[in-house]
Protein backbone atom coordinates (compact mmCIF):
# COMPACT_ATOMS: atom_id res chain seq x y z
CA MET A 1 181.47 165.79 21.32
CA PHE A 2 183.75 165.18 24.30
CA SER A 3 187.51 165.51 24.50
CA ARG A 4 189.57 162.33 24.76
CA LEU A 5 186.70 159.98 23.92
CA THR A 6 187.72 156.90 21.98
CA ARG A 7 184.80 154.55 21.51
CA TRP A 8 181.04 154.59 21.93
CA TRP A 9 179.52 151.82 23.99
CA ARG A 10 176.01 150.75 24.68
CA GLY A 11 175.48 147.59 26.70
CA ARG A 12 172.42 145.41 26.17
CA LEU A 13 169.65 147.22 28.01
CA THR A 14 166.90 145.43 29.87
CA SER A 15 163.74 146.72 31.52
CA LYS A 16 165.31 146.61 34.98
CA THR A 17 163.84 149.10 37.42
CA GLY A 18 164.02 149.44 41.16
CA ARG A 19 161.49 150.65 43.69
CA LEU A 20 161.11 152.95 46.66
CA LYS A 21 160.94 151.66 50.23
CA SER A 22 159.44 154.44 52.29
CA LEU A 23 159.81 154.78 56.04
CA SER A 24 158.43 158.31 56.32
CA GLU A 25 156.23 160.93 54.70
CA GLU A 26 159.32 163.08 54.24
CA PHE A 27 160.80 160.39 51.99
CA ASP A 28 157.58 160.23 49.95
CA ARG A 29 157.68 163.98 49.33
CA LEU A 30 161.10 163.69 47.67
CA PHE A 31 159.71 161.93 44.58
CA GLU A 32 157.09 162.48 41.91
CA PRO A 33 154.39 159.77 41.84
CA GLY A 34 155.57 156.72 39.94
CA SER A 35 159.26 157.59 40.15
CA VAL A 36 161.59 154.59 40.44
CA PRO A 37 165.28 154.08 39.69
CA ARG A 38 165.63 153.01 36.04
CA MET A 39 168.60 151.45 34.28
CA VAL A 40 170.13 153.73 31.64
CA ALA A 41 173.27 151.77 30.71
CA THR A 42 174.69 148.34 31.44
CA GLY A 43 177.35 145.85 30.38
CA PHE A 44 180.19 147.14 32.56
CA GLN A 45 182.32 145.23 35.08
CA PHE A 46 182.14 147.27 38.33
CA THR A 47 180.93 150.86 38.17
CA GLU A 48 181.94 153.51 40.71
CA GLY A 49 182.77 157.17 41.23
CA PRO A 50 180.01 159.00 39.30
CA VAL A 51 180.29 162.77 38.82
CA TRP A 52 178.27 165.12 36.60
CA GLN A 53 180.13 167.35 34.12
CA SER A 54 177.77 170.31 33.80
CA ARG A 55 179.56 172.11 30.96
CA GLY A 56 179.35 169.06 28.72
CA GLY A 57 176.10 167.69 30.08
CA PHE A 58 177.30 164.16 30.74
CA LEU A 59 178.14 161.79 33.58
CA LEU A 60 181.64 160.51 34.17
CA PHE A 61 182.07 157.22 36.05
CA SER A 62 184.75 154.63 36.72
CA ASP A 63 184.78 150.98 35.72
CA ILE A 64 187.46 149.80 38.13
CA PRO A 65 188.38 146.35 36.72
CA ALA A 66 188.19 147.62 33.13
CA ASP A 67 190.70 150.38 33.97
CA ARG A 68 188.49 152.99 32.30
CA ILE A 69 186.59 156.19 32.94
CA TYR A 70 183.43 156.44 30.83
CA ALA A 71 181.33 159.44 29.80
CA LEU A 72 177.59 158.75 29.68
CA ASP A 73 175.19 161.07 27.85
CA LYS A 74 171.53 161.49 28.77
CA GLY A 75 170.52 159.08 26.00
CA GLY A 76 172.41 156.24 27.68
CA ARG A 77 175.38 156.18 25.32
CA ALA A 78 178.75 155.70 27.01
CA ALA A 79 182.16 156.47 25.56
CA VAL A 80 185.61 155.75 26.92
CA TYR A 81 186.91 159.00 28.37
CA ARG A 82 190.24 157.77 29.72
CA GLU A 83 192.04 154.45 29.32
CA PRO A 84 194.01 153.44 31.28
CA SER A 85 192.58 155.23 34.29
CA GLY A 86 194.83 153.84 37.01
CA HIS A 87 191.87 151.61 37.96
CA SER A 88 190.09 154.78 39.01
CA ASN A 89 187.52 154.84 41.76
CA GLY A 90 186.12 158.12 43.16
CA LEU A 91 185.91 161.17 40.87
CA THR A 92 185.06 164.83 41.45
CA PHE A 93 185.73 168.30 40.06
CA ASP A 94 187.37 171.29 41.71
CA ALA A 95 186.40 174.94 41.25
CA ALA A 96 188.75 175.29 38.27
CA GLY A 97 187.00 172.45 36.42
CA CYS A 98 189.87 170.01 36.94
CA LEU A 99 188.93 166.34 37.24
CA LEU A 100 190.26 164.81 40.45
CA THR A 101 190.61 161.04 40.47
CA CYS A 102 191.28 158.43 43.13
CA GLU A 103 193.56 156.12 41.17
CA HIS A 104 192.93 152.93 43.08
CA GLY A 105 195.61 151.01 41.14
CA ASN A 106 198.27 153.73 41.00
CA ARG A 107 197.82 154.44 44.73
CA ARG A 108 197.42 158.17 44.22
CA VAL A 109 195.04 161.10 43.83
CA SER A 110 195.52 162.92 40.53
CA ARG A 111 194.30 166.17 38.95
CA GLU A 112 193.59 166.52 35.22
CA GLU A 113 193.69 170.08 33.94
CA PRO A 114 191.01 170.88 31.32
CA GLY A 115 192.71 170.04 28.05
CA GLY A 116 196.04 169.81 29.85
CA PRO A 117 198.30 167.47 31.79
CA THR A 118 197.56 165.18 34.71
CA THR A 119 199.45 165.93 37.91
CA VAL A 120 199.75 164.22 41.30
CA VAL A 121 197.80 165.65 44.23
CA ALA A 122 198.88 162.99 46.74
CA ASP A 123 200.67 159.65 46.54
CA ARG A 124 202.63 159.42 49.80
CA PHE A 125 202.30 160.19 53.48
CA GLN A 126 205.48 160.64 55.53
CA GLY A 127 207.47 159.10 52.69
CA LYS A 128 205.32 155.95 52.43
CA ARG A 129 203.05 155.11 49.53
CA LEU A 130 199.34 155.47 50.06
CA ASN A 131 197.23 152.29 50.15
CA SER A 132 194.54 152.78 47.48
CA PRO A 133 192.69 156.11 47.55
CA ASN A 134 188.99 155.38 47.34
CA ASP A 135 186.80 158.49 47.37
CA LEU A 136 187.24 162.25 47.68
CA VAL A 137 185.54 165.61 48.10
CA VAL A 138 186.75 169.16 47.55
CA LYS A 139 185.91 171.86 50.10
CA SER A 140 185.03 175.34 48.84
CA ASP A 141 188.46 176.60 49.93
CA GLY A 142 190.08 174.12 47.51
CA SER A 143 191.20 171.57 50.09
CA VAL A 144 190.97 167.95 48.94
CA TYR A 145 189.75 165.37 51.48
CA PHE A 146 190.10 161.67 50.63
CA THR A 147 189.86 158.19 52.14
CA ASP A 148 192.60 155.58 51.82
CA PRO A 149 191.54 151.98 52.65
CA PRO A 150 193.68 149.02 51.51
CA TYR A 151 191.17 147.52 49.06
CA GLY A 152 193.46 147.84 46.05
CA VAL A 153 196.82 146.80 47.51
CA ARG A 154 198.16 143.37 48.41
CA PRO A 155 199.19 142.97 52.08
CA GLU A 156 202.85 142.48 51.19
CA GLU A 157 202.83 145.78 49.25
CA GLN A 158 201.19 147.86 51.96
CA GLU A 159 203.48 150.52 53.39
CA LEU A 160 201.04 152.45 55.59
CA ALA A 161 199.59 150.68 58.61
CA VAL A 162 196.95 153.38 59.02
CA HIS A 163 193.74 153.34 56.95
CA GLY A 164 193.20 157.05 57.11
CA VAL A 165 191.25 160.09 56.07
CA PHE A 166 193.60 162.68 54.60
CA ARG A 167 193.61 166.27 53.40
CA VAL A 168 195.72 168.28 50.99
CA SER A 169 195.16 172.00 51.48
CA ALA A 170 194.73 174.28 48.48
CA GLY A 171 198.08 175.30 47.02
CA SER A 172 199.93 172.75 49.16
CA THR A 173 201.59 169.42 48.46
CA ASP A 174 201.58 168.34 52.11
CA VAL A 175 199.37 165.35 52.94
CA GLU A 176 197.78 165.69 56.37
CA LEU A 177 196.25 162.81 58.33
CA LEU A 178 192.90 163.87 59.80
CA ALA A 179 191.53 160.57 61.16
CA GLU A 180 193.17 157.20 61.70
CA ASP A 181 190.63 155.22 63.73
CA PHE A 182 188.88 153.69 60.71
CA VAL A 183 189.11 150.10 59.53
CA MET A 184 187.87 150.66 55.96
CA PRO A 185 187.17 154.38 55.37
CA ASN A 186 185.16 154.78 52.20
CA GLY A 187 182.58 157.37 51.11
CA LEU A 188 182.55 160.93 52.40
CA ALA A 189 180.44 164.05 51.93
CA PHE A 190 180.21 167.56 53.34
CA SER A 191 176.98 169.00 54.70
CA PRO A 192 175.71 171.96 52.64
CA SER A 193 177.35 174.44 55.03
CA GLU A 194 180.58 172.38 55.13
CA SER A 195 180.38 172.48 58.91
CA ARG A 196 180.08 168.68 59.06
CA LEU A 197 181.84 165.87 57.20
CA TYR A 198 180.19 162.46 56.92
CA ILE A 199 182.50 159.45 56.51
CA ASP A 200 181.47 155.81 56.41
CA ASP A 201 183.38 152.70 57.43
CA SER A 202 182.69 149.68 55.21
CA ALA A 203 184.44 147.11 57.38
CA PRO A 204 182.17 144.08 58.12
CA GLU A 205 182.46 144.66 61.86
CA ARG A 206 181.43 148.30 61.55
CA ARG A 207 179.25 149.18 58.52
CA HIS A 208 178.31 152.57 59.90
CA ILE A 209 178.44 156.30 59.12
CA ARG A 210 180.18 158.75 61.40
CA VAL A 211 179.94 162.54 61.33
CA PHE A 212 182.64 165.02 62.29
CA ASP A 213 182.54 168.73 62.95
CA VAL A 214 184.85 170.64 60.63
CA ALA A 215 186.98 173.07 62.62
CA THR A 216 187.86 176.53 61.31
CA ASP A 217 191.30 175.24 60.29
CA GLY A 218 189.73 172.39 58.29
CA THR A 219 190.59 169.60 60.71
CA LEU A 220 187.99 167.14 62.00
CA VAL A 221 186.75 167.13 65.59
CA ASN A 222 183.98 165.55 67.69
CA GLY A 223 183.59 162.37 65.63
CA ARG A 224 180.42 160.47 66.52
CA LEU A 225 178.08 157.82 65.18
CA PHE A 226 175.56 159.17 62.65
CA HIS A 227 173.82 155.90 61.71
CA ASP A 228 174.53 152.19 62.13
CA MET A 229 173.94 150.43 58.78
CA ASN A 230 175.05 147.01 60.01
CA VAL A 231 171.98 144.94 59.08
CA GLN A 232 171.44 141.29 58.12
CA GLU A 233 171.15 142.06 54.41
CA PRO A 234 174.47 141.98 52.52
CA GLY A 235 176.02 145.29 51.57
CA ALA A 236 178.08 147.95 53.30
CA PRO A 237 177.92 151.76 53.31
CA ASP A 238 179.91 153.12 50.40
CA GLY A 239 179.51 156.29 48.30
CA MET A 240 177.39 159.18 49.56
CA LYS A 241 176.05 162.63 48.64
CA VAL A 242 173.86 165.29 50.28
CA ASP A 243 170.96 167.34 48.95
CA VAL A 244 170.48 171.09 49.37
CA ASP A 245 168.39 170.53 52.51
CA GLY A 246 171.09 168.47 54.20
CA ARG A 247 169.71 164.97 53.73
CA LEU A 248 172.35 162.30 53.24
CA TYR A 249 172.12 159.64 50.51
CA CYS A 250 174.39 156.65 51.13
CA THR A 251 174.65 153.43 49.14
CA GLY A 252 174.37 150.32 51.26
CA ALA A 253 172.45 147.10 51.78
CA GLY A 254 169.52 146.98 49.36
CA GLY A 255 170.01 150.35 47.73
CA VAL A 256 170.56 154.02 48.52
CA TRP A 257 169.62 154.86 52.11
CA VAL A 258 168.25 158.37 52.65
CA PHE A 259 168.80 160.03 56.04
CA GLY A 260 167.60 163.22 57.64
CA PRO A 261 170.30 165.56 59.03
CA ASP A 262 169.62 164.07 62.47
CA GLY A 263 170.48 160.54 61.28
CA THR A 264 166.89 159.28 60.92
CA HIS A 265 166.54 156.67 58.16
CA LEU A 266 163.77 158.12 55.98
CA GLY A 267 163.64 155.39 53.34
CA THR A 268 165.65 153.50 50.72
CA ILE A 269 165.91 153.78 46.94
CA VAL A 270 166.01 150.06 46.15
CA THR A 271 168.14 149.06 43.14
CA PRO A 272 168.14 145.72 41.25
CA GLU A 273 171.92 145.50 41.63
CA LYS A 274 174.05 146.28 44.67
CA PRO A 275 174.95 149.99 44.49
CA ALA A 276 178.40 151.43 45.12
CA ASN A 277 178.04 155.19 44.71
CA CYS A 278 175.75 158.00 43.59
CA ALA A 279 175.90 161.55 42.24
CA TRP A 280 173.57 164.41 41.39
CA GLY A 281 173.26 165.46 37.78
CA ASP A 282 171.32 166.86 34.83
CA GLU A 283 170.81 170.57 34.22
CA ASP A 284 168.85 171.18 37.43
CA TRP A 285 170.92 168.81 39.59
CA ARG A 286 167.71 166.99 40.54
CA THR A 287 168.53 163.57 39.12
CA LEU A 288 170.36 161.02 41.25
CA TYR A 289 172.65 158.75 39.23
CA ILE A 290 173.58 155.46 40.88
CA THR A 291 176.49 153.20 39.97
CA ALA A 292 175.46 149.59 40.72
CA ARG A 293 177.80 146.79 39.72
CA THR A 294 177.37 146.34 35.95
CA SER A 295 174.94 149.20 35.36
CA ILE A 296 174.02 152.85 35.81
CA TYR A 297 170.60 153.80 37.20
CA ARG A 298 168.96 157.18 37.63
CA ILE A 299 165.92 158.62 39.37
CA PRO A 300 164.53 162.17 39.32
CA LEU A 301 163.77 163.92 42.60
CA ARG A 302 161.84 167.00 43.63
CA VAL A 303 164.81 168.24 45.65
CA GLY A 304 168.18 169.20 44.20
CA GLY A 305 171.66 168.08 45.04
CA ILE A 306 174.76 170.13 45.74
CA ALA A 307 175.97 171.43 42.37
CA LEU A 308 179.68 171.22 41.68
CA PRO A 309 181.29 174.58 40.79
CA HIS A 310 182.20 173.98 37.14
């Protein structure tokens, strides 16, 4: 059914469901009555990096400690897609249908050609090894933007002092530093027009989302606070996505926080396990898949997400 799959897996399912915590009528209008996040697969170690593969109709996601990428079908069956995965974290596709992977353990960003080889997009900056690439997005011009915190590298192995946000332009091998004033840069997402880039900082002393204007040359300017997520409840901002209307969905304390384009917290999709990332999927791109520790959850919405071009 899928290329490179090696073994089917179905963890022991339970009846775990989450709930919706509304803070606005706008949040209520996003969901059909009775909609809640429901577990569709479990039994993993630490899930991350979900991305929908529209041609095959399945979700890819990382299990970082297991050193695997899984493919999950709509029936909740998961199969090993790649092993080892370089302790992969964030995943996405480019316009050519290539899978781009933040290889947390290999300290690089890689590109897998459909049915072909895997090549390196970025593994060094100014001759020094990257820390541990965490998450990434691809702009419509083919440029790859990624975050590089030191989560996956021991202090004595760290070569870069900066915990940066980087870019590799389409057709280039040069790694460009766009922002260096982060402590733990993590999730990132473009607005629908790509005129803004949201980036969160998961450091305990920050736990906030910033937004930058994207200049015509692709660099980032006018960085400013979008929303402070530093609350008493445990959990830090992590993976994020936007919908077609420009709302931002960011995993954090208690679940997936939903924000209006102006930074207003509209409500939270509460999950039974602490979430790490999310992605739009299914044929209409109106289902939000959530990676949360040992499990995958999903919830249908009335609004669609930004479809990937593959």
